[in-house]
């Protein structure tokens, strides 16, 4: 089987960002992880890397135990209509647009993308974006996360919902209010 888990590592605050772009980027990365991981695990992680003034840098990562990608093929991945090799299209389908869309949207949000992977072991695809702070969280003292912050973890079926145990949300996308944790992380 395949297990999917989601984790938010950061302060309990609201962010102002583009939820549609964030949802699209996460959907592309999670879709790829599911496609290339027949069994094992997929973990969706989100964290606040830095915060200064009225903005923060968030990182979202999708980690899988799938087929992985050889080092010499990784530079091709974020190019339009590109895949690791031609057998990928034959075996798994796809157009090679998903990761280039993630790169384009991350850059549009003042961020970047990357991958760490090892063939036969799995992959970690990530993107970073700049977001604003809202309400009572509209300012923060300049800081860069140095240690491991408090973690919220939740299991979900196929969507990245983030467990917010303090607010009562359980991260189950098919239950009322289940997307509240993700909305908090992506600015909705």
C-alpha atoms as a PDB file:
ATOM      1  CA  UNK A   1       0.000   0.000   0.000  1.00  0.00           C
ATOM      2  CA  UNK A   2       0.798   3.655  -0.039  1.00  0.00           C
ATOM      3  CA  UNK A   3       0.689   5.899   3.026  1.00  0.00           C
ATOM      4  CA  UNK A   4       0.376   9.663   2.797  1.00  0.00           C
ATOM      5  CA  UNK A   5       1.112  12.042   5.670  1.00  0.00           C
ATOM      6  CA  UNK A   6       1.269  15.816   6.000  1.00  0.00           C
ATOM      7  CA  UNK A   7       3.190  17.964   8.463  1.00  0.00           C
ATOM      8  CA  UNK A   8       3.307  21.690   9.281  1.00  0.00           C
ATOM      9  CA  UNK A   9       6.467  22.820  11.088  1.00  0.00           C
ATOM     10  CA  UNK A  10       6.131  26.409  12.075  1.00  0.00           C
ATOM     11  CA  UNK A  11       4.344  28.956  14.206  1.00  0.00           C
ATOM     12  CA  UNK A  12       0.600  29.082  14.545  1.00  0.00           C
ATOM     13  CA  UNK A  13      -0.114  32.091  12.312  1.00  0.00           C
ATOM     14  CA  UNK A  14      -1.999  33.033   9.163  1.00  0.00           C
ATOM     15  CA  UNK A  15      -0.304  33.875   5.871  1.00  0.00           C
ATOM     16  CA  UNK A  16      -1.391  35.960   2.915  1.00  0.00           C
ATOM     17  CA  UNK A  17      -0.538  34.254  -0.355  1.00  0.00           C
ATOM     18  CA  UNK A  18      -2.146  32.921  -3.503  1.00  0.00           C
ATOM     19  CA  UNK A  19      -4.010  29.753  -2.474  1.00  0.00           C
ATOM     20  CA  UNK A  20      -4.754  28.808  -6.093  1.00  0.00           C
ATOM     21  CA  UNK A  21      -1.084  28.853  -7.082  1.00  0.00           C
ATOM     22  CA  UNK A  22      -0.069  26.996  -3.921  1.00  0.00           C
ATOM     23  CA  UNK A  23      -2.766  24.384  -4.493  1.00  0.00           C
ATOM     24  CA  UNK A  24      -1.642  23.931  -8.121  1.00  0.00           C
ATOM     25  CA  UNK A  25       2.021  23.531  -7.149  1.00  0.00           C
ATOM     26  CA  UNK A  26       1.220  21.028  -4.393  1.00  0.00           C
ATOM     27  CA  UNK A  27      -1.187  19.156  -6.651  1.00  0.00           C
ATOM     28  CA  UNK A  28       1.499  18.772  -9.330  1.00  0.00           C
ATOM     29  CA  UNK A  29       4.136  17.547  -6.873  1.00  0.00           C
ATOM     30  CA  UNK A  30       1.766  15.197  -5.033  1.00  0.00           C
ATOM     31  CA  UNK A  31       0.415  13.836  -8.323  1.00  0.00           C
ATOM     32  CA  UNK A  32       3.946  13.013  -9.459  1.00  0.00           C
ATOM     33  CA  UNK A  33       4.778  11.414  -6.113  1.00  0.00           C
ATOM     34  CA  UNK A  34       1.702   9.185  -6.347  1.00  0.00           C
ATOM     35  CA  UNK A  35       2.450   8.313  -9.977  1.00  0.00           C
ATOM     36  CA  UNK A  36       6.052   7.271  -9.248  1.00  0.00           C
ATOM     37  CA  UNK A  37       5.489   5.580  -5.864  1.00  0.00           C
ATOM     38  CA  UNK A  38       3.641   2.280  -6.247  1.00  0.00           C
ATOM     39  CA  UNK A  39       4.118   1.388  -2.584  1.00  0.00           C
ATOM     40  CA  UNK A  40       5.794   2.993   0.386  1.00  0.00           C
ATOM     41  CA  UNK A  41       5.172   6.512   1.599  1.00  0.00           C
ATOM     42  CA  UNK A  42       4.610  10.099   0.577  1.00  0.00           C
ATOM     43  CA  UNK A  43       5.069  12.924   3.058  1.00  0.00           C
ATOM     44  CA  UNK A  44       4.009  16.529   2.499  1.00  0.00           C
ATOM     45  CA  UNK A  45       5.900  19.027   4.642  1.00  0.00           C
ATOM     46  CA  UNK A  46       5.394  22.759   5.032  1.00  0.00           C
ATOM     47  CA  UNK A  47       7.462  25.124   7.152  1.00  0.00           C
ATOM     48  CA  UNK A  48       8.267  28.754   7.743  1.00  0.00           C
ATOM     49  CA  UNK A  49      11.946  29.250   6.901  1.00  0.00           C
ATOM     50  CA  UNK A  50      12.238  32.958   7.644  1.00  0.00           C
ATOM     51  CA  UNK A  51      10.112  35.865   8.757  1.00  0.00           C
ATOM     52  CA  UNK A  52      10.906  39.573   8.719  1.00  0.00           C
ATOM     53  CA  UNK A  53       8.669  42.617   8.859  1.00  0.00           C
ATOM     54  CA  UNK A  54       5.415  41.798   7.096  1.00  0.00           C
ATOM     55  CA  UNK A  55       6.562  38.804   5.055  1.00  0.00           C
ATOM     56  CA  UNK A  56       7.697  35.235   5.479  1.00  0.00           C
ATOM     57  CA  UNK A  57       9.390  32.565   3.389  1.00  0.00           C
ATOM     58  CA  UNK A  58       7.532  29.264   3.361  1.00  0.00           C
ATOM     59  CA  UNK A  59       8.860  25.968   2.070  1.00  0.00           C
ATOM     60  CA  UNK A  60       6.627  23.149   0.868  1.00  0.00           C
ATOM     61  CA  UNK A  61       8.144  19.734   0.146  1.00  0.00           C
ATOM     62  CA  UNK A  62       6.831  16.419  -1.133  1.00  0.00           C
ATOM     63  CA  UNK A  63       8.992  13.458  -0.160  1.00  0.00           C
ATOM     64  CA  UNK A  64       8.386  10.008  -1.609  1.00  0.00           C
ATOM     65  CA  UNK A  65       9.914   6.544  -1.487  1.00  0.00           C
ATOM     66  CA  UNK A  66       9.338   6.084  -5.224  1.00  0.00           C
ATOM     67  CA  UNK A  67      11.658   5.274  -8.107  1.00  0.00           C
ATOM     68  CA  UNK A  68      13.951   8.269  -7.594  1.00  0.00           C
ATOM     69  CA  UNK A  69      15.914  10.128 -10.251  1.00  0.00           C
ATOM     70  CA  UNK A  70      19.552   9.776 -11.229  1.00  0.00           C
ATOM     71  CA  UNK A  71      21.692  12.845 -10.449  1.00  0.00           C
ATOM     72  CA  UNK A  72      22.585  13.417 -14.111  1.00  0.00           C
ATOM     73  CA  UNK A  73      18.870  13.656 -15.060  1.00  0.00           C
ATOM     74  CA  UNK A  74      17.750  16.097 -12.343  1.00  0.00           C
ATOM     75  CA  UNK A  75      18.682  19.295 -14.222  1.00  0.00           C
ATOM     76  CA  UNK A  76      16.166  18.428 -16.964  1.00  0.00           C
ATOM     77  CA  UNK A  77      13.182  18.068 -14.668  1.00  0.00           C
ATOM     78  CA  UNK A  78      11.991  21.677 -14.395  1.00  0.00           C
ATOM     79  CA  UNK A  79      12.277  22.388 -18.131  1.00  0.00           C
ATOM     80  CA  UNK A  80       9.104  22.558 -20.238  1.00  0.00           C
ATOM     81  CA  UNK A  81       8.100  19.242 -21.890  1.00  0.00           C
ATOM     82  CA  UNK A  82      11.015  17.474 -20.236  1.00  0.00           C
ATOM     83  CA  UNK A  83      11.137  14.213 -18.326  1.00  0.00           C
ATOM     84  CA  UNK A  84      14.039  12.247 -16.875  1.00  0.00           C
ATOM     85  CA  UNK A  85      14.132   9.977 -19.943  1.00  0.00           C
ATOM     86  CA  UNK A  86      11.878   8.750 -22.748  1.00  0.00           C
ATOM     87  CA  UNK A  87      10.933   5.564 -20.872  1.00  0.00           C
ATOM     88  CA  UNK A  88       9.229   7.743 -18.251  1.00  0.00           C
ATOM     89  CA  UNK A  89       6.586   8.830 -20.772  1.00  0.00           C
ATOM     90  CA  UNK A  90       6.080   5.259 -21.995  1.00  0.00           C
ATOM     91  CA  UNK A  91       5.816   3.771 -18.485  1.00  0.00           C
ATOM     92  CA  UNK A  92       4.070   6.527 -16.531  1.00  0.00           C
ATOM     93  CA  UNK A  93       2.541   8.986 -19.020  1.00  0.00           C
ATOM     94  CA  UNK A  94       2.533  12.737 -18.604  1.00  0.00           C
ATOM     95  CA  UNK A  95       3.593  15.702 -20.701  1.00  0.00           C
ATOM     96  CA  UNK A  96       6.578  17.023 -18.785  1.00  0.00           C
ATOM     97  CA  UNK A  97       4.749  20.252 -17.923  1.00  0.00           C
ATOM     98  CA  UNK A  98       3.952  19.751 -14.219  1.00  0.00           C
ATOM     99  CA  UNK A  99       7.353  20.620 -12.779  1.00  0.00           C
ATOM    100  CA  UNK A 100       7.895  23.543 -15.149  1.00  0.00           C
ATOM    101  CA  UNK A 101       4.546  24.929 -13.962  1.00  0.00           C
ATOM    102  CA  UNK A 102       5.693  24.567 -10.354  1.00  0.00           C
ATOM    103  CA  UNK A 103       8.910  26.447 -11.198  1.00  0.00           C
ATOM    104  CA  UNK A 104       7.034  29.236 -13.007  1.00  0.00           C
ATOM    105  CA  UNK A 105       4.517  29.711 -10.188  1.00  0.00           C
ATOM    106  CA  UNK A 106       7.176  29.608  -7.453  1.00  0.00           C
ATOM    107  CA  UNK A 107       9.185  32.283  -9.262  1.00  0.00           C
ATOM    108  CA  UNK A 108       6.033  34.378  -9.694  1.00  0.00           C
ATOM    109  CA  UNK A 109       5.656  34.233  -5.903  1.00  0.00           C
ATOM    110  CA  UNK A 110       9.251  35.355  -5.307  1.00  0.00           C
ATOM    111  CA  UNK A 111      10.569  31.854  -4.718  1.00  0.00           C
ATOM    112  CA  UNK A 112      12.448  28.932  -6.152  1.00  0.00           C
ATOM    113  CA  UNK A 113      12.233  25.153  -6.626  1.00  0.00           C
ATOM    114  CA  UNK A 114      14.544  22.205  -6.190  1.00  0.00           C
ATOM    115  CA  UNK A 115      14.914  18.459  -5.951  1.00  0.00           C
ATOM    116  CA  UNK A 116      17.037  16.000  -4.029  1.00  0.00           C
ATOM    117  CA  UNK A 117      16.764  12.443  -5.279  1.00  0.00           C
ATOM    118  CA  UNK A 118      18.532   9.121  -5.561  1.00  0.00           C
ATOM    119  CA  UNK A 119      17.554   6.496  -8.136  1.00  0.00           C
ATOM    120  CA  UNK A 120      15.835   3.543  -6.488  1.00  0.00           C
ATOM    121  CA  UNK A 121      15.448   5.350  -3.146  1.00  0.00           C
ATOM    122  CA  UNK A 122      13.032   8.261  -3.637  1.00  0.00           C
ATOM    123  CA  UNK A 123      12.815  12.012  -4.075  1.00  0.00           C
ATOM    124  CA  UNK A 124      12.257  15.253  -2.234  1.00  0.00           C
ATOM    125  CA  UNK A 125      10.759  17.999  -4.418  1.00  0.00           C
ATOM    126  CA  UNK A 126      10.382  21.408  -2.788  1.00  0.00           C
ATOM    127  CA  UNK A 127       9.406  24.967  -3.513  1.00  0.00           C
ATOM    128  CA  UNK A 128       9.780  28.155  -1.522  1.00  0.00           C
ATOM    129  CA  UNK A 129       7.522  31.200  -1.779  1.00  0.00           C
ATOM    130  CA  UNK A 130       7.245  34.649  -0.241  1.00  0.00           C
ATOM    131  CA  UNK A 131       3.978  35.378   1.571  1.00  0.00           C
ATOM    132  CA  UNK A 132       2.574  38.190   3.679  1.00  0.00           C
ATOM    133  CA  UNK A 133       1.335  38.043   7.247  1.00  0.00           C
ATOM    134  CA  UNK A 134      -2.258  38.823   8.178  1.00  0.00           C
ATOM    135  CA  UNK A 135      -4.214  40.174  11.151  1.00  0.00           C
ATOM    136  CA  UNK A 136      -2.453  40.030  14.484  1.00  0.00           C
ATOM    137  CA  UNK A 137       0.454  38.282  12.744  1.00  0.00           C
ATOM    138  CA  UNK A 138       1.050  41.239  10.402  1.00  0.00           C
ATOM    139  CA  UNK A 139       4.574  41.845  11.710  1.00  0.00           C
ATOM    140  CA  UNK A 140       7.314  39.606  13.011  1.00  0.00           C
ATOM    141  CA  UNK A 141      10.771  40.214  14.303  1.00  0.00           C
ATOM    142  CA  UNK A 142      13.387  39.189  11.772  1.00  0.00           C
ATOM    143  CA  UNK A 143      14.290  35.553  12.231  1.00  0.00           C
ATOM    144  CA  UNK A 144      15.545  32.563  10.356  1.00  0.00           C
ATOM    145  CA  UNK A 145      14.526  29.150  11.586  1.00  0.00           C
ATOM    146  CA  UNK A 146      17.613  27.477  12.987  1.00  0.00           C
ATOM    147  CA  UNK A 147      16.263  24.520  14.933  1.00  0.00           C
ATOM    148  CA  UNK A 148      13.405  22.110  14.575  1.00  0.00           C
ATOM    149  CA  UNK A 149      10.178  23.979  15.395  1.00  0.00           C
ATOM    150  CA  UNK A 150       7.067  22.444  16.899  1.00  0.00           C
ATOM    151  CA  UNK A 151       5.413  19.909  14.576  1.00  0.00           C
ATOM    152  CA  UNK A 152       1.780  19.262  13.701  1.00  0.00           C
ATOM    153  CA  UNK A 153       1.233  15.987  11.889  1.00  0.00           C
ATOM    154  CA  UNK A 154      -1.784  14.463  10.286  1.00  0.00           C
ATOM    155  CA  UNK A 155      -2.611  11.612   7.984  1.00  0.00           C
ATOM    156  CA  UNK A 156      -4.767  12.196   4.951  1.00  0.00           C
ATOM    157  CA  UNK A 157      -6.119  10.186   2.068  1.00  0.00           C
ATOM    158  CA  UNK A 158      -4.933  11.959  -1.074  1.00  0.00           C
ATOM    159  CA  UNK A 159      -4.814  15.696  -0.388  1.00  0.00           C
ATOM    160  CA  UNK A 160      -2.339  17.578   1.786  1.00  0.00           C
ATOM    161  CA  UNK A 161      -4.438  18.669   4.736  1.00  0.00           C
ATOM    162  CA  UNK A 162      -2.490  19.809   7.723  1.00  0.00           C
ATOM    163  CA  UNK A 163      -3.512  18.691  11.193  1.00  0.00           C
ATOM    164  CA  UNK A 164      -4.127  21.610  13.507  1.00  0.00           C
ATOM    165  CA  UNK A 165      -4.718  19.755  16.748  1.00  0.00           C
ATOM    166  CA  UNK A 166      -5.037  22.983  18.752  1.00  0.00           C
ATOM    167  CA  UNK A 167      -7.885  24.250  16.573  1.00  0.00           C
ATOM    168  CA  UNK A 168      -9.685  20.905  16.358  1.00  0.00           C
ATOM    169  CA  UNK A 169      -9.074  20.266  12.651  1.00  0.00           C
ATOM    170  CA  UNK A 170      -7.944  16.744  11.893  1.00  0.00           C
ATOM    171  CA  UNK A 171      -6.605  17.190   8.376  1.00  0.00           C
ATOM    172  CA  UNK A 172      -9.248  15.012   6.730  1.00  0.00           C
ATOM    173  CA  UNK A 173     -10.145  16.713   3.435  1.00  0.00           C
ATOM    174  CA  UNK A 174     -13.437  14.823   3.126  1.00  0.00           C
ATOM    175  CA  UNK A 175     -14.754  16.140   6.443  1.00  0.00           C
ATOM    176  CA  UNK A 176     -16.217  19.617   7.040  1.00  0.00           C
ATOM    177  CA  UNK A 177     -13.459  22.007   8.070  1.00  0.00           C
ATOM    178  CA  UNK A 178     -10.719  19.509   7.225  1.00  0.00           C
ATOM    179  CA  UNK A 179      -8.880  21.848   4.887  1.00  0.00           C
ATOM    180  CA  UNK A 180      -8.558  24.582   7.505  1.00  0.00           C
ATOM    181  CA  UNK A 181      -4.965  23.654   8.345  1.00  0.00           C
ATOM    182  CA  UNK A 182      -3.921  23.806   4.725  1.00  0.00           C
ATOM    183  CA  UNK A 183      -5.813  27.056   4.279  1.00  0.00           C
ATOM    184  CA  UNK A 184      -3.944  28.490   7.237  1.00  0.00           C
ATOM    185  CA  UNK A 185      -0.620  27.479   5.650  1.00  0.00           C
ATOM    186  CA  UNK A 186      -1.470  28.636   2.130  1.00  0.00           C
ATOM    187  CA  UNK A 187      -3.198  31.890   2.985  1.00  0.00           C
ATOM    188  CA  UNK A 188      -6.811  31.025   2.177  1.00  0.00           C
END
